[in-house]
Amino acid sequence: MLSINDFNDIYIKLADGKDLELLIVDDESIRELNRQHRGLDKATDVLSFPVEFEFAKFLGSIVISYETASKAADEFGHTIKDEAKLLFIHGMLHLLGFDHESDNGEMRIKEQEIIRELALPLSLTERNS
């Protein structure tokens, strides 16, 4: 089972005192959000919805599929908590303006740096390479 406390270290490191919303959902719920917001009718592991106001106290929302995260954890040989932490890091970086689709690997490097700094399992860096 996941707890909000599982994400505290990451939140403290990255959020700079700003608020965010974290939702842990099932595959059907994230599939619907993915369809509505990205036009992709399939489940995904994580979605991020940043707030577009530069000076907002609220960063945005991160939605993680527990089912998809659990499958990935099994596939890559680490716990669901560690997989969810990787997805939270990924979502946080999107809220902070990173975009792995256009940044020449900067987001991946930042994810790996955070994983190492927080002493998370190195299997997460392999998962994310």
Foldseek 3Di string as FASTA:
>chain_A
DDDPVLQVVVCVVQVVQAAEAEAEAAQCVQLVVCCVPVVHNGGDAKDADADPDPPHSYLGYMYGYLVVLCVLCVVLVHHSSLSVNLSVLLRSVVSVPDDPVPDVCPSLVVSQVVCVVVVHDCSSNVSSD
